Amino acid sequence: MINVLYEDNHIIVVEKPPMMPVQADSSGDEDLLSVLKRYIKEKYHKPGNVYLGLVHRLDRPVGGLMVFARTSKAAGRLSEQIRQNGLKKGYTALVHGETPESGTLEDYLLKEEGNLVRVCKETEHGARFARLDFKKITGDPEKSLLDIILITGRPHQIRVQFSSRGYPIYGDMRYGKGEIGRIALYSSFIGFTHPVTGQEMEFRKKPYGGFFDLVRTDV
């Protein structure tokens, strides 16, 4: 059962389980969008197909908070917020190594074949600017638990930017050190303006399990 944090006639805010795809893909695995459509259909006895607008994404390995639109009007307004950087997204990550206490990472990223992303030069065709801010919550010489605020939302951005500086995320099989386990990256905060009422909304959720058990997450 998916953890629903908030729902009304216009939006639904949920916690995506790690390793669940956001929408159907070639794996054939159960996806979040389909599960939520069934949930809405059954709960509200909706006839026919259920509309649910996907306005942002999380990488398949990553768990955490997401908002979906229950109407096309809400989807359009949330999408516009995203284009205007009005949707605030925060993450918690456990990385290898001892990072600075805080900082800003700025790079140009390029998506290549095989869905891989790398840091590139600004002049390379297809390069996209990426920026994030981070603050260390706790850590030691071996690892750092970070609070991350995304300024831009590029594919694999957090994973690539930290890995390129020698701080790969624990459990990241693609950009990390190949350890087996759930990736220690979690969408722990989401904030936006309600697309209909105009109310400012914020949701927070602490990460749990997997590599996060290596550190305290209640500080």
N, C-alpha and C. Protein backbone atom coordinates (compact mmCIF):
# COMPACT_ATOMS: atom_id res chain seq x y z
N MET A 1 0.85 -1.19 0.00
CA MET A 1 0.00 0.00 0.00
C MET A 1 0.88 1.25 0.00
N ILE A 2 0.57 2.21 -0.85
CA ILE A 2 1.33 3.44 -0.94
C ILE A 2 0.94 4.38 0.20
N ASN A 3 1.93 5.01 0.81
CA ASN A 3 1.69 5.96 1.89
C ASN A 3 1.23 7.28 1.29
N VAL A 4 -0.02 7.66 1.58
CA VAL A 4 -0.59 8.91 1.09
C VAL A 4 -0.52 9.94 2.22
N LEU A 5 0.19 11.05 1.95
CA LEU A 5 0.34 12.09 2.97
C LEU A 5 -0.78 13.12 2.91
N TYR A 6 -1.29 13.35 1.70
CA TYR A 6 -2.34 14.37 1.54
C TYR A 6 -3.09 14.10 0.24
N GLU A 7 -4.38 14.35 0.25
CA GLU A 7 -5.15 14.28 -0.99
C GLU A 7 -6.39 15.15 -0.88
N ASP A 8 -6.77 15.73 -2.01
CA ASP A 8 -8.04 16.43 -2.14
C ASP A 8 -8.52 16.23 -3.57
N ASN A 9 -9.45 17.04 -4.02
CA ASN A 9 -10.00 16.83 -5.36
C ASN A 9 -9.05 17.23 -6.48
N HIS A 10 -7.93 17.88 -6.13
CA HIS A 10 -7.05 18.44 -7.14
C HIS A 10 -5.66 17.81 -7.18
N ILE A 11 -5.15 17.38 -6.03
CA ILE A 11 -3.79 16.83 -5.95
C ILE A 11 -3.74 15.65 -4.99
N ILE A 12 -2.65 14.90 -5.10
CA ILE A 12 -2.38 13.85 -4.13
C ILE A 12 -0.87 13.80 -3.91
N VAL A 13 -0.46 13.80 -2.65
CA VAL A 13 0.96 13.77 -2.27
C VAL A 13 1.24 12.41 -1.63
N VAL A 14 2.23 11.70 -2.16
CA VAL A 14 2.50 10.34 -1.71
C VAL A 14 3.99 10.13 -1.51
N GLU A 15 4.30 9.00 -0.87
CA GLU A 15 5.68 8.58 -0.70
C GLU A 15 5.96 7.43 -1.67
N LYS A 16 6.83 7.69 -2.62
CA LYS A 16 7.20 6.66 -3.60
C LYS A 16 8.14 5.65 -2.95
N PRO A 17 7.83 4.35 -3.03
CA PRO A 17 8.75 3.34 -2.52
C PRO A 17 10.02 3.28 -3.37
N PRO A 18 11.18 3.04 -2.76
CA PRO A 18 12.40 2.84 -3.56
C PRO A 18 12.24 1.66 -4.50
N MET A 19 12.86 1.76 -5.66
CA MET A 19 12.90 0.71 -6.69
C MET A 19 11.58 0.52 -7.42
N MET A 20 10.60 1.34 -7.17
CA MET A 20 9.36 1.29 -7.95
C MET A 20 9.43 2.34 -9.04
N PRO A 21 9.22 1.97 -10.31
CA PRO A 21 9.20 3.00 -11.36
C PRO A 21 8.01 3.93 -11.19
N VAL A 22 8.20 5.18 -11.56
CA VAL A 22 7.12 6.15 -11.45
C VAL A 22 5.99 5.82 -12.42
N GLN A 23 6.37 5.41 -13.65
CA GLN A 23 5.36 5.00 -14.62
C GLN A 23 5.82 3.73 -15.31
N ALA A 24 4.92 3.09 -16.03
CA ALA A 24 5.22 1.81 -16.66
C ALA A 24 6.43 1.91 -17.58
N ASP A 25 7.28 0.89 -17.52
CA ASP A 25 8.44 0.83 -18.40
C ASP A 25 8.61 -0.59 -18.94
N SER A 26 9.72 -0.82 -19.62
CA SER A 26 9.94 -2.12 -20.27
C SER A 26 10.11 -3.26 -19.29
N SER A 27 10.35 -2.95 -18.01
CA SER A 27 10.54 -4.02 -17.02
C SER A 27 9.24 -4.77 -16.73
N GLY A 28 8.13 -4.09 -16.92
CA GLY A 28 6.85 -4.70 -16.59
C GLY A 28 6.53 -4.70 -15.11
N ASP A 29 7.41 -4.09 -14.30
CA ASP A 29 7.18 -4.03 -12.86
C ASP A 29 6.02 -3.08 -12.54
N GLU A 30 5.39 -3.32 -11.41
CA GLU A 30 4.31 -2.46 -10.97
C GLU A 30 4.83 -1.03 -10.80
N ASP A 31 4.09 -0.06 -11.31
CA ASP A 31 4.54 1.33 -11.25
C ASP A 31 3.60 2.18 -10.40
N LEU A 32 4.15 3.28 -9.91
CA LEU A 32 3.43 4.13 -8.96
C LEU A 32 2.19 4.75 -9.58
N LEU A 33 2.29 5.23 -10.80
CA LEU A 33 1.16 5.89 -11.45
C LEU A 33 -0.03 4.95 -11.56
N SER A 34 0.21 3.71 -11.96
CA SER A 34 -0.88 2.74 -12.10
C SER A 34 -1.49 2.39 -10.74
N VAL A 35 -0.63 2.24 -9.73
CA VAL A 35 -1.12 1.91 -8.38
C VAL A 35 -2.02 3.02 -7.86
N LEU A 36 -1.61 4.27 -8.06
CA LEU A 36 -2.41 5.40 -7.57
C LEU A 36 -3.72 5.54 -8.32
N LYS A 37 -3.71 5.26 -9.62
CA LYS A 37 -4.96 5.30 -10.38
C LYS A 37 -5.95 4.27 -9.85
N ARG A 38 -5.46 3.07 -9.54
CA ARG A 38 -6.34 2.03 -8.97
C ARG A 38 -6.87 2.48 -7.61
N TYR A 39 -5.98 3.07 -6.80
CA TYR A 39 -6.37 3.54 -5.47
C TYR A 39 -7.51 4.56 -5.57
N ILE A 40 -7.37 5.54 -6.46
CA ILE A 40 -8.39 6.57 -6.62
C ILE A 40 -9.69 5.97 -7.16
N LYS A 41 -9.56 5.10 -8.13
CA LYS A 41 -10.74 4.46 -8.74
C LYS A 41 -11.55 3.70 -7.70
N GLU A 42 -10.84 2.93 -6.85
CA GLU A 42 -11.53 2.12 -5.84
C GLU A 42 -12.07 2.97 -4.70
N LYS A 43 -11.29 3.94 -4.23
CA LYS A 43 -11.71 4.74 -3.08
C LYS A 43 -12.92 5.61 -3.41
N TYR A 44 -12.92 6.19 -4.61
CA TYR A 44 -13.99 7.13 -4.96
C TYR A 44 -14.99 6.54 -5.95
N HIS A 45 -14.88 5.23 -6.21
CA HIS A 45 -15.82 4.53 -7.08
C HIS A 45 -15.94 5.23 -8.44
N LYS A 46 -14.78 5.54 -9.02
CA LYS A 46 -14.74 6.24 -10.30
C LYS A 46 -15.03 5.27 -11.45
N PRO A 47 -15.95 5.61 -12.32
CA PRO A 47 -16.18 4.76 -13.51
C PRO A 47 -15.15 5.09 -14.59
N GLY A 48 -14.83 4.13 -15.41
CA GLY A 48 -13.93 4.37 -16.53
C GLY A 48 -12.50 4.65 -16.08
N ASN A 49 -11.75 5.30 -16.97
CA ASN A 49 -10.36 5.60 -16.69
C ASN A 49 -10.22 6.77 -15.71
N VAL A 50 -9.21 6.69 -14.86
CA VAL A 50 -8.93 7.74 -13.88
C VAL A 50 -7.82 8.63 -14.42
N TYR A 51 -8.02 9.95 -14.34
CA TYR A 51 -6.97 10.87 -14.74
C TYR A 51 -6.02 11.10 -13.57
N LEU A 52 -4.72 11.05 -13.84
CA LEU A 52 -3.72 11.40 -12.85
C LEU A 52 -2.52 11.97 -13.59
N GLY A 53 -2.22 13.24 -13.33
CA GLY A 53 -1.16 13.93 -14.05
C GLY A 53 0.19 13.77 -13.39
N LEU A 54 1.17 13.29 -14.16
CA LEU A 54 2.55 13.14 -13.70
C LEU A 54 3.29 14.42 -14.06
N VAL A 55 3.68 15.22 -13.05
CA VAL A 55 4.28 16.53 -13.31
C VAL A 55 5.77 16.58 -12.98
N HIS A 56 6.28 15.60 -12.25
CA HIS A 56 7.71 15.50 -12.00
C HIS A 56 8.05 14.05 -11.72
N ARG A 57 9.34 13.73 -11.63
CA ARG A 57 9.76 12.34 -11.53
C ARG A 57 10.79 12.13 -10.44
N LEU A 58 10.97 10.87 -10.09
CA LEU A 58 12.09 10.43 -9.27
C LEU A 58 12.75 9.25 -9.97
N ASP A 59 14.08 9.17 -9.91
CA ASP A 59 14.76 8.00 -10.45
C ASP A 59 14.20 6.74 -9.80
N ARG A 60 14.15 5.67 -10.55
CA ARG A 60 13.59 4.42 -10.04
C ARG A 60 14.17 4.00 -8.68
N PRO A 61 15.50 4.04 -8.44
CA PRO A 61 16.01 3.57 -7.15
C PRO A 61 15.64 4.47 -5.97
N VAL A 62 15.24 5.70 -6.26
CA VAL A 62 15.05 6.70 -5.21
C VAL A 62 13.62 6.67 -4.68
N GLY A 63 13.49 6.74 -3.36
CA GLY A 63 12.19 6.83 -2.73
C GLY A 63 11.93 8.24 -2.24
N GLY A 64 10.67 8.50 -1.86
CA GLY A 64 10.38 9.79 -1.25
C GLY A 64 9.14 10.47 -1.79
N LEU A 65 9.02 11.75 -1.49
CA LEU A 65 7.79 12.50 -1.68
C LEU A 65 7.60 12.94 -3.13
N MET A 66 6.37 12.79 -3.60
CA MET A 66 5.97 13.25 -4.92
C MET A 66 4.55 13.81 -4.86
N VAL A 67 4.26 14.75 -5.76
CA VAL A 67 2.90 15.26 -5.90
C VAL A 67 2.40 14.93 -7.29
N PHE A 68 1.14 14.48 -7.37
CA PHE A 68 0.48 14.19 -8.63
C PHE A 68 -0.76 15.08 -8.73
N ALA A 69 -1.17 15.38 -9.96
CA ALA A 69 -2.36 16.20 -10.20
C ALA A 69 -3.55 15.31 -10.50
N ARG A 70 -4.67 15.62 -9.89
CA ARG A 70 -5.88 14.83 -10.13
C ARG A 70 -6.77 15.42 -11.20
N THR A 71 -6.44 16.62 -11.69
CA THR A 71 -7.18 17.22 -12.80
C THR A 71 -6.18 17.82 -13.78
N SER A 72 -6.63 18.03 -15.01
CA SER A 72 -5.74 18.62 -16.01
C SER A 72 -5.41 20.07 -15.66
N LYS A 73 -6.35 20.79 -15.04
CA LYS A 73 -6.07 22.16 -14.62
C LYS A 73 -4.95 22.18 -13.58
N ALA A 74 -5.05 21.30 -12.60
CA ALA A 74 -4.01 21.23 -11.57
C ALA A 74 -2.67 20.84 -12.18
N ALA A 75 -2.69 19.93 -13.15
CA ALA A 75 -1.45 19.49 -13.79
C ALA A 75 -0.79 20.65 -14.52
N GLY A 76 -1.58 21.43 -15.24
CA GLY A 76 -1.04 22.56 -15.97
C GLY A 76 -0.42 23.60 -15.05
N ARG A 77 -1.09 23.88 -13.94
CA ARG A 77 -0.59 24.90 -13.02
C ARG A 77 0.65 24.41 -12.25
N LEU A 78 0.67 23.14 -11.88
CA LEU A 78 1.87 22.60 -11.23
C LEU A 78 3.05 22.56 -12.20
N SER A 79 2.78 22.19 -13.44
CA SER A 79 3.84 22.17 -14.44
C SER A 79 4.42 23.56 -14.65
N GLU A 80 3.57 24.57 -14.62
CA GLU A 80 4.04 25.95 -14.77
C GLU A 80 4.90 26.35 -13.57
N GLN A 81 4.51 25.92 -12.37
CA GLN A 81 5.35 26.18 -11.19
C GLN A 81 6.73 25.57 -11.36
N ILE A 82 6.78 24.38 -11.90
CA ILE A 82 8.06 23.71 -12.11
C ILE A 82 8.90 24.50 -13.11
N ARG A 83 8.28 24.97 -14.19
CA ARG A 83 9.01 25.76 -15.18
C ARG A 83 9.55 27.05 -14.59
N GLN A 84 8.84 27.60 -13.61
CA GLN A 84 9.25 28.85 -12.96
C GLN A 84 10.05 28.60 -11.69
N ASN A 85 10.49 27.35 -11.48
CA ASN A 85 11.25 26.97 -10.27
C ASN A 85 10.46 27.23 -8.99
N GLY A 86 9.13 27.10 -9.08
CA GLY A 86 8.30 27.31 -7.91
C GLY A 86 8.06 26.06 -7.09
N LEU A 87 8.39 24.89 -7.65
CA LEU A 87 8.27 23.64 -6.91
C LEU A 87 9.59 23.39 -6.20
N LYS A 88 9.57 23.42 -4.88
CA LYS A 88 10.80 23.25 -4.09
C LYS A 88 10.98 21.79 -3.75
N LYS A 89 12.18 21.26 -4.00
CA LYS A 89 12.46 19.84 -3.75
C LYS A 89 13.73 19.70 -2.93
N GLY A 90 13.62 18.97 -1.84
CA GLY A 90 14.77 18.72 -0.98
C GLY A 90 15.01 17.23 -0.82
N TYR A 91 16.27 16.86 -0.69
CA TYR A 91 16.66 15.46 -0.58
C TYR A 91 17.59 15.26 0.60
N THR A 92 17.59 14.03 1.10
CA THR A 92 18.57 13.59 2.07
C THR A 92 19.42 12.53 1.40
N ALA A 93 20.75 12.65 1.55
CA ALA A 93 21.66 11.70 0.90
C ALA A 93 22.78 11.33 1.86
N LEU A 94 23.20 10.08 1.81
CA LEU A 94 24.38 9.62 2.52
C LEU A 94 25.45 9.34 1.48
N VAL A 95 26.57 10.07 1.58
CA VAL A 95 27.63 9.94 0.58
C VAL A 95 28.91 9.44 1.22
N HIS A 96 29.76 8.84 0.41
CA HIS A 96 31.09 8.43 0.85
C HIS A 96 31.97 9.67 1.05
N GLY A 97 32.77 9.64 2.09
CA GLY A 97 33.73 10.70 2.30
C GLY A 97 33.21 11.82 3.18
N GLU A 98 34.11 12.71 3.54
CA GLU A 98 33.80 13.84 4.42
C GLU A 98 33.68 15.10 3.58
N THR A 99 32.47 15.55 3.39
CA THR A 99 32.21 16.74 2.57
C THR A 99 32.44 18.00 3.40
N PRO A 100 32.52 19.17 2.74
CA PRO A 100 32.47 20.43 3.49
C PRO A 100 31.16 20.54 4.27
N GLU A 101 31.11 21.48 5.19
CA GLU A 101 29.91 21.66 6.00
C GLU A 101 28.72 22.11 5.16
N SER A 102 28.97 22.87 4.12
CA SER A 102 27.91 23.33 3.22
C SER A 102 28.55 23.79 1.93
N GLY A 103 27.71 24.01 0.92
CA GLY A 103 28.25 24.46 -0.34
C GLY A 103 27.22 24.48 -1.44
N THR A 104 27.63 24.94 -2.60
CA THR A 104 26.82 24.96 -3.81
C THR A 104 27.60 24.25 -4.91
N LEU A 105 26.94 23.36 -5.62
CA LEU A 105 27.56 22.65 -6.74
C LEU A 105 26.94 23.15 -8.03
N GLU A 106 27.80 23.56 -8.96
CA GLU A 106 27.35 24.02 -10.26
C GLU A 106 28.13 23.30 -11.35
N ASP A 107 27.41 22.73 -12.30
CA ASP A 107 28.02 21.99 -13.39
C ASP A 107 27.16 22.10 -14.63
N TYR A 108 27.72 21.66 -15.75
CA TYR A 108 26.93 21.39 -16.94
C TYR A 108 26.89 19.87 -17.11
N LEU A 109 25.70 19.35 -17.37
CA LEU A 109 25.51 17.91 -17.46
C LEU A 109 25.04 17.53 -18.86
N LEU A 110 25.44 16.35 -19.28
CA LEU A 110 25.07 15.85 -20.60
C LEU A 110 24.57 14.42 -20.47
N LYS A 111 23.40 14.16 -21.04
CA LYS A 111 22.83 12.82 -21.04
C LYS A 111 23.31 12.07 -22.26
N GLU A 112 23.85 10.85 -22.05
CA GLU A 112 24.41 10.06 -23.13
C GLU A 112 23.60 8.79 -23.34
N GLU A 113 24.08 7.96 -24.27
CA GLU A 113 23.42 6.69 -24.52
C GLU A 113 23.43 5.83 -23.27
N GLY A 114 22.42 4.97 -23.15
CA GLY A 114 22.34 4.11 -21.98
C GLY A 114 21.81 4.83 -20.76
N ASN A 115 21.21 6.02 -20.97
CA ASN A 115 20.64 6.80 -19.88
C ASN A 115 21.68 7.21 -18.84
N LEU A 116 22.93 7.36 -19.27
CA LEU A 116 24.00 7.81 -18.39
C LEU A 116 24.16 9.33 -18.52
N VAL A 117 24.51 9.96 -17.43
CA VAL A 117 24.73 11.40 -17.40
C VAL A 117 26.14 11.67 -16.91
N ARG A 118 26.80 12.66 -17.49
CA ARG A 118 28.15 13.01 -17.05
C ARG A 118 28.30 14.53 -17.00
N VAL A 119 29.28 14.98 -16.21
CA VAL A 119 29.65 16.39 -16.20
C VAL A 119 30.36 16.71 -17.50
N CYS A 120 30.04 17.83 -18.10
CA CYS A 120 30.62 18.19 -19.39
C CYS A 120 30.97 19.67 -19.42
N LYS A 121 31.51 20.10 -20.54
CA LYS A 121 31.80 21.51 -20.74
C LYS A 121 30.55 22.25 -21.19
N GLU A 122 30.49 23.53 -20.87
CA GLU A 122 29.34 24.34 -21.23
C GLU A 122 29.12 24.36 -22.74
N THR A 123 30.20 24.23 -23.48
CA THR A 123 30.13 24.36 -24.93
C THR A 123 29.68 23.08 -25.64
N GLU A 124 29.60 21.96 -24.92
CA GLU A 124 29.20 20.71 -25.56
C GLU A 124 27.72 20.76 -25.93
N HIS A 125 27.41 20.22 -27.11
CA HIS A 125 26.03 20.22 -27.58
C HIS A 125 25.14 19.41 -26.64
N GLY A 126 24.06 20.01 -26.20
CA GLY A 126 23.14 19.34 -25.30
C GLY A 126 23.42 19.56 -23.83
N ALA A 127 24.48 20.32 -23.52
CA ALA A 127 24.84 20.58 -22.12
C ALA A 127 23.74 21.37 -21.43
N ARG A 128 23.42 20.98 -20.17
CA ARG A 128 22.39 21.68 -19.41
C ARG A 128 22.96 22.06 -18.04
N PHE A 129 22.71 23.30 -17.65
CA PHE A 129 23.23 23.81 -16.38
C PHE A 129 22.53 23.14 -15.21
N ALA A 130 23.31 22.78 -14.18
CA ALA A 130 22.77 22.12 -12.99
C ALA A 130 23.34 22.78 -11.74
N ARG A 131 22.47 23.05 -10.79
CA ARG A 131 22.90 23.66 -9.53
C ARG A 131 22.13 23.06 -8.37
N LEU A 132 22.82 22.88 -7.27
CA LEU A 132 22.19 22.47 -6.01
C LEU A 132 22.95 23.09 -4.85
N ASP A 133 22.26 23.22 -3.71
CA ASP A 133 22.87 23.65 -2.46
C ASP A 133 22.82 22.49 -1.48
N PHE A 134 23.84 22.38 -0.62
CA PHE A 134 23.82 21.31 0.38
C PHE A 134 24.35 21.79 1.72
N LYS A 135 23.94 21.08 2.76
CA LYS A 135 24.41 21.32 4.12
C LYS A 135 24.59 19.97 4.79
N LYS A 136 25.71 19.80 5.48
CA LYS A 136 25.96 18.53 6.15
C LYS A 136 25.17 18.46 7.46
N ILE A 137 24.46 17.37 7.64
CA ILE A 137 23.70 17.14 8.87
C ILE A 137 24.60 16.53 9.94
N THR A 138 25.32 15.50 9.53
CA THR A 138 26.26 14.83 10.43
C THR A 138 27.23 14.04 9.55
N GLY A 139 28.29 13.52 10.16
CA GLY A 139 29.24 12.74 9.37
C GLY A 139 30.52 12.46 10.11
N ASP A 140 31.42 11.79 9.42
CA ASP A 140 32.75 11.45 9.93
C ASP A 140 33.67 11.34 8.71
N PRO A 141 34.94 10.98 8.90
CA PRO A 141 35.83 10.92 7.73
C PRO A 141 35.41 9.93 6.65
N GLU A 142 34.53 8.99 6.98
CA GLU A 142 34.11 7.97 6.01
C GLU A 142 32.82 8.30 5.27
N LYS A 143 31.97 9.11 5.88
CA LYS A 143 30.65 9.35 5.28
C LYS A 143 30.06 10.66 5.77
N SER A 144 29.14 11.18 4.98
CA SER A 144 28.46 12.43 5.30
C SER A 144 26.98 12.30 4.98
N LEU A 145 26.14 12.72 5.92
CA LEU A 145 24.70 12.77 5.71
C LEU A 145 24.34 14.20 5.34
N LEU A 146 23.72 14.38 4.18
CA LEU A 146 23.52 15.71 3.63
C LEU A 146 22.05 16.07 3.45
N ASP A 147 21.76 17.34 3.66
CA ASP A 147 20.49 17.94 3.30
C ASP A 147 20.72 18.72 2.01
N ILE A 148 19.96 18.39 0.95
CA ILE A 148 20.21 18.94 -0.38
C ILE A 148 18.97 19.65 -0.89
N ILE A 149 19.16 20.85 -1.42
CA ILE A 149 18.09 21.59 -2.07
C ILE A 149 18.42 21.71 -3.56
N LEU A 150 17.54 21.20 -4.39
CA LEU A 150 17.74 21.29 -5.83
C LEU A 150 17.32 22.66 -6.33
N ILE A 151 18.22 23.32 -7.05
CA ILE A 151 17.87 24.57 -7.71
C ILE A 151 17.40 24.29 -9.13
N THR A 152 18.04 23.32 -9.78
CA THR A 152 17.57 22.83 -11.08
C THR A 152 17.23 21.35 -10.91
N GLY A 153 16.44 20.82 -11.81
CA GLY A 153 16.04 19.42 -11.70
C GLY A 153 16.45 18.62 -12.92
N ARG A 154 17.73 18.29 -13.02
CA ARG A 154 18.23 17.53 -14.16
C ARG A 154 18.24 16.03 -13.85
N PRO A 155 18.12 15.18 -14.87
CA PRO A 155 18.18 13.73 -14.64
C PRO A 155 19.49 13.33 -13.94
N HIS A 156 19.38 12.55 -12.89
CA HIS A 156 20.51 12.00 -12.14
C HIS A 156 21.42 13.09 -11.56
N GLN A 157 20.89 14.31 -11.43
CA GLN A 157 21.73 15.45 -11.07
C GLN A 157 22.51 15.26 -9.77
N ILE A 158 21.82 14.93 -8.69
CA ILE A 158 22.49 14.79 -7.40
C ILE A 158 23.53 13.69 -7.45
N ARG A 159 23.17 12.58 -8.05
CA ARG A 159 24.07 11.43 -8.11
C ARG A 159 25.35 11.76 -8.86
N VAL A 160 25.20 12.44 -10.00
CA VAL A 160 26.36 12.76 -10.85
C VAL A 160 27.21 13.86 -10.23
N GLN A 161 26.59 14.90 -9.72
CA GLN A 161 27.38 16.02 -9.20
C GLN A 161 28.23 15.62 -7.99
N PHE A 162 27.68 14.82 -7.10
CA PHE A 162 28.48 14.41 -5.94
C PHE A 162 29.51 13.35 -6.32
N SER A 163 29.14 12.43 -7.18
CA SER A 163 30.09 11.40 -7.60
C SER A 163 31.29 12.01 -8.32
N SER A 164 31.04 13.04 -9.12
CA SER A 164 32.13 13.66 -9.88
C SER A 164 33.14 14.35 -8.98
N ARG A 165 32.77 14.60 -7.73
CA ARG A 165 33.67 15.26 -6.78
C ARG A 165 34.24 14.28 -5.75
N GLY A 166 34.03 13.00 -5.99
CA GLY A 166 34.57 11.99 -5.10
C GLY A 166 33.70 11.65 -3.91
N TYR A 167 32.41 12.03 -3.99
CA TYR A 167 31.47 11.73 -2.91
C TYR A 167 30.27 10.94 -3.44
N PRO A 168 30.49 9.75 -3.97
CA PRO A 168 29.35 8.98 -4.51
C PRO A 168 28.36 8.60 -3.42
N ILE A 169 27.11 8.48 -3.81
CA ILE A 169 26.06 8.13 -2.86
C ILE A 169 26.12 6.64 -2.54
N TYR A 170 25.96 6.30 -1.28
CA TYR A 170 25.94 4.90 -0.86
C TYR A 170 24.84 4.16 -1.62
N GLY A 171 25.19 3.00 -2.14
CA GLY A 171 24.22 2.15 -2.81
C GLY A 171 23.95 2.52 -4.25
N ASP A 172 24.64 3.53 -4.79
CA ASP A 172 24.42 3.93 -6.17
C ASP A 172 25.24 3.04 -7.09
N MET A 173 24.58 2.06 -7.69
CA MET A 173 25.27 1.09 -8.53
C MET A 173 25.74 1.70 -9.85
N ARG A 174 25.13 2.79 -10.27
CA ARG A 174 25.46 3.40 -11.57
C ARG A 174 26.62 4.39 -11.47
N TYR A 175 26.59 5.25 -10.47
CA TYR A 175 27.61 6.29 -10.36
C TYR A 175 28.47 6.13 -9.10
N GLY A 176 28.25 5.06 -8.37
CA GLY A 176 28.94 4.89 -7.11
C GLY A 176 29.99 3.81 -7.12
N LYS A 177 30.13 3.14 -5.98
CA LYS A 177 31.20 2.17 -5.80
C LYS A 177 30.74 0.73 -5.95
N GLY A 178 29.50 0.53 -6.36
CA GLY A 178 29.04 -0.81 -6.67
C GLY A 178 28.56 -1.63 -5.49
N GLU A 179 28.41 -1.00 -4.31
CA GLU A 179 27.92 -1.77 -3.18
C GLU A 179 26.46 -2.14 -3.39
N ILE A 180 26.06 -3.26 -2.84
CA ILE A 180 24.69 -3.74 -3.03
C ILE A 180 23.84 -3.21 -1.88
N GLY A 181 22.76 -2.58 -2.23
CA GLY A 181 21.85 -2.06 -1.22
C GLY A 181 21.02 -0.94 -1.80
N ARG A 182 19.98 -0.56 -1.10
CA ARG A 182 19.11 0.51 -1.55
C ARG A 182 19.89 1.82 -1.58
N ILE A 183 19.75 2.59 -2.64
CA ILE A 183 20.48 3.85 -2.74
C ILE A 183 20.08 4.79 -1.61
N ALA A 184 21.08 5.45 -1.03
CA ALA A 184 20.85 6.33 0.12
C ALA A 184 20.55 7.75 -0.35
N LEU A 185 19.52 7.87 -1.17
CA LEU A 185 19.04 9.16 -1.66
C LEU A 185 17.53 9.15 -1.55
N TYR A 186 16.98 10.18 -0.90
CA TYR A 186 15.57 10.16 -0.56
C TYR A 186 14.99 11.56 -0.71
N SER A 187 13.84 11.64 -1.38
CA SER A 187 13.14 12.91 -1.54
C SER A 187 12.39 13.23 -0.25
N SER A 188 13.01 14.03 0.60
CA SER A 188 12.51 14.23 1.96
C SER A 188 11.70 15.51 2.15
N PHE A 189 11.65 16.36 1.14
CA PHE A 189 10.90 17.62 1.25
C PHE A 189 10.33 18.01 -0.11
N ILE A 190 9.10 18.48 -0.08
CA ILE A 190 8.50 19.04 -1.29
C ILE A 190 7.61 20.21 -0.87
N GLY A 191 7.73 21.30 -1.60
CA GLY A 191 6.94 22.49 -1.29
C GLY A 191 6.42 23.13 -2.57
N PHE A 192 5.18 23.59 -2.55
CA PHE A 192 4.57 24.18 -3.74
C PHE A 192 3.34 24.98 -3.34
N THR A 193 2.84 25.75 -4.28
CA THR A 193 1.59 26.47 -4.09
C THR A 193 0.45 25.60 -4.62
N HIS A 194 -0.58 25.41 -3.80
CA HIS A 194 -1.71 24.59 -4.25
C HIS A 194 -2.25 25.17 -5.56
N PRO A 195 -2.41 24.33 -6.59
CA PRO A 195 -2.77 24.84 -7.92
C PRO A 195 -4.16 25.45 -8.01
N VAL A 196 -5.01 25.24 -7.02
CA VAL A 196 -6.37 25.78 -7.07
C VAL A 196 -6.62 26.77 -5.93
N THR A 197 -6.28 26.39 -4.70
CA THR A 197 -6.58 27.26 -3.55
C THR A 197 -5.53 28.35 -3.36
N GLY A 198 -4.33 28.15 -3.89
CA GLY A 198 -3.25 29.12 -3.68
C GLY A 198 -2.54 28.98 -2.36
N GLN A 199 -2.91 27.98 -1.57
CA GLN A 199 -2.28 27.77 -0.27
C GLN A 199 -0.84 27.27 -0.46
N GLU A 200 0.09 27.80 0.37
CA GLU A 200 1.46 27.31 0.35
C GLU A 200 1.53 25.99 1.12
N MET A 201 2.05 24.95 0.50
CA MET A 201 2.04 23.63 1.09
C MET A 201 3.46 23.08 1.17
N GLU A 202 3.78 22.45 2.29
CA GLU A 202 5.09 21.84 2.48
C GLU A 202 4.91 20.48 3.13
N PHE A 203 5.70 19.51 2.68
CA PHE A 203 5.66 18.16 3.23
C PHE A 203 7.08 17.69 3.48
N ARG A 204 7.28 17.02 4.60
CA ARG A 204 8.60 16.51 4.96
C ARG A 204 8.49 15.07 5.44
N LYS A 205 9.51 14.28 5.14
CA LYS A 205 9.54 12.87 5.57
C LYS A 205 10.99 12.45 5.73
N LYS A 206 11.33 11.87 6.86
CA LYS A 206 12.69 11.41 7.10
C LYS A 206 12.94 10.08 6.39
N PRO A 207 14.16 9.89 5.88
CA PRO A 207 14.50 8.61 5.25
C PRO A 207 14.63 7.51 6.29
N TYR A 208 14.61 6.28 5.83
CA TYR A 208 14.66 5.16 6.76
C TYR A 208 15.26 3.95 6.06
N GLY A 209 15.81 3.04 6.83
CA GLY A 209 16.26 1.75 6.31
C GLY A 209 17.47 1.85 5.41
N GLY A 210 17.93 0.70 4.94
CA GLY A 210 19.05 0.63 4.03
C GLY A 210 20.30 1.26 4.61
N PHE A 211 21.04 1.97 3.76
CA PHE A 211 22.27 2.61 4.20
C PHE A 211 22.02 3.74 5.19
N PHE A 212 20.81 4.27 5.24
CA PHE A 212 20.52 5.33 6.20
C PHE A 212 20.64 4.82 7.64
N ASP A 213 20.57 3.52 7.83
CA ASP A 213 20.74 2.97 9.17
C ASP A 213 22.17 3.13 9.68
N LEU A 214 23.10 3.50 8.80
CA LEU A 214 24.49 3.72 9.22
C LEU A 214 24.67 5.01 10.00
N VAL A 215 23.71 5.88 9.93
CA VAL A 215 23.81 7.18 10.61
C VAL A 215 22.49 7.50 11.31
N ARG A 216 22.57 8.44 12.25
CA ARG A 216 21.35 8.93 12.87
C ARG A 216 20.67 9.88 11.91
N THR A 217 19.37 9.71 11.74
CA THR A 217 18.61 10.61 10.88
C THR A 217 17.61 11.45 11.69
N ASP A 218 17.74 11.44 13.01
CA ASP A 218 16.84 12.19 13.85
C ASP A 218 17.50 13.42 14.45
N VAL A 219 18.65 13.84 13.87
CA VAL A 219 19.35 14.99 14.42
C VAL A 219 19.00 16.23 13.62
